[in-house]
Amino acid sequence: MRRIRLVVDCGCISDPTIATVDEIARAKLEASRAGCALELRDVCPNLLELLDLAGLAALLLAERERQAEEREEPYGVEEEGELGDLSVS
């Protein structure tokens, strides 16, 4: 089943503030809760910098890359192996 993708055109945002980042974060959260993906388009450098500062740039860019490549969710184990002795001395 394909996820619904919500595209937000950020081209009209010329002077972003932390309130802008807050609104995008809330939109991302609500989209995720509804089982949708959120994609930002035409992001100006100032907004990208604020998103990066808030730790959201990588999350939103990763979402877009997963959609483009149609990869599985990044949860779970990718490689198997055994851990060494984790006992505390």
Protein backbone atom coordinates (compact mmCIF):
# COMPACT_ATOMS: atom_id res chain seq x y z
CA MET A 1 0.00 0.00 0.00
CA ARG A 2 1.35 3.38 -0.95
CA ARG A 3 1.59 6.21 1.53
CA ILE A 4 -0.17 9.45 0.76
CA ARG A 5 2.35 12.22 0.17
CA LEU A 6 1.55 15.76 1.26
CA VAL A 7 3.57 18.37 -0.62
CA VAL A 8 4.10 21.77 0.99
CA ASP A 9 5.24 24.53 -1.37
CA CYS A 10 7.55 26.75 0.68
CA GLY A 11 8.34 29.11 -2.20
CA CYS A 12 6.28 31.93 -0.71
CA ILE A 13 8.18 31.85 2.60
CA SER A 14 10.74 34.61 2.22
CA ASP A 15 11.56 35.43 5.84
CA PRO A 16 11.10 32.26 7.95
CA THR A 17 11.09 32.38 11.73
CA ILE A 18 11.15 29.77 14.46
CA ALA A 19 7.33 29.91 14.33
CA THR A 20 7.57 28.74 10.71
CA VAL A 21 9.68 25.80 11.82
CA ASP A 22 7.17 25.05 14.58
CA GLU A 23 4.31 24.93 12.08
CA ILE A 24 6.27 22.62 9.76
CA ALA A 25 7.14 20.34 12.68
CA ARG A 26 3.48 20.17 13.72
CA ALA A 27 2.44 19.43 10.14
CA LYS A 28 5.05 16.66 9.95
CA LEU A 29 3.78 15.14 13.19
CA GLU A 30 0.14 15.24 12.11
CA ALA A 31 0.99 13.79 8.70
CA SER A 32 2.91 10.95 10.33
CA ARG A 33 0.04 10.23 12.71
CA ALA A 34 -2.30 10.01 9.73
CA GLY A 35 0.05 7.65 7.92
CA CYS A 36 1.10 10.26 5.37
CA ALA A 37 4.48 11.56 4.27
CA LEU A 38 5.31 15.27 4.25
CA GLU A 39 7.52 16.78 1.55
CA LEU A 40 8.76 20.35 1.37
CA ARG A 41 9.37 21.99 -2.00
CA ASP A 42 11.14 25.22 -2.96
CA VAL A 43 12.75 25.62 0.45
CA CYS A 44 14.77 28.84 0.67
CA PRO A 45 18.27 28.69 2.21
CA ASN A 46 17.13 30.58 5.32
CA LEU A 47 14.35 28.09 6.02
CA LEU A 48 16.66 25.17 5.35
CA GLU A 49 19.15 26.62 7.83
CA LEU A 50 16.46 26.99 10.51
CA LEU A 51 15.19 23.45 9.87
CA ASP A 52 18.74 22.18 10.16
CA LEU A 53 19.26 24.08 13.41
CA ALA A 54 16.06 22.52 14.79
CA GLY A 55 17.18 19.06 13.67
CA LEU A 56 14.36 18.67 11.16
CA ALA A 57 16.20 19.10 7.85
CA ALA A 58 17.66 15.60 7.86
CA LEU A 59 14.32 14.11 8.86
CA LEU A 60 12.42 15.83 6.08
CA LEU A 61 15.09 15.14 3.48
CA ALA A 62 15.28 11.50 4.55
CA GLU A 63 11.52 11.24 4.12
CA ARG A 64 11.79 12.55 0.57
CA GLU A 65 14.64 10.15 -0.27
CA ARG A 66 12.71 7.15 1.07
CA GLN A 67 9.75 8.08 -1.09
CA ALA A 68 11.85 8.51 -4.20
CA GLU A 69 13.56 5.16 -3.75
CA GLU A 70 10.51 3.50 -2.20
CA ARG A 71 12.60 1.92 0.51
CA GLU A 72 11.22 0.29 3.60
CA GLU A 73 10.93 2.26 6.82
CA PRO A 74 14.32 2.67 8.50
CA TYR A 75 13.23 0.65 11.53
CA GLY A 76 14.54 -2.77 12.31
CA VAL A 77 17.85 -4.54 11.98
CA GLU A 78 19.83 -4.30 8.78
CA GLU A 79 22.67 -6.63 9.71
CA GLU A 80 22.89 -9.58 12.00
CA GLY A 81 25.77 -10.27 14.31
CA GLU A 82 26.66 -11.19 17.82
CA LEU A 83 27.57 -8.75 20.52
CA GLY A 84 30.67 -9.34 22.58
CA ASP A 85 30.60 -9.82 26.32
CA LEU A 86 28.73 -6.82 27.74
CA SER A 87 29.23 -7.69 31.41
CA VAL A 88 30.49 -4.92 33.65
CA SER A 89 33.70 -5.59 35.57
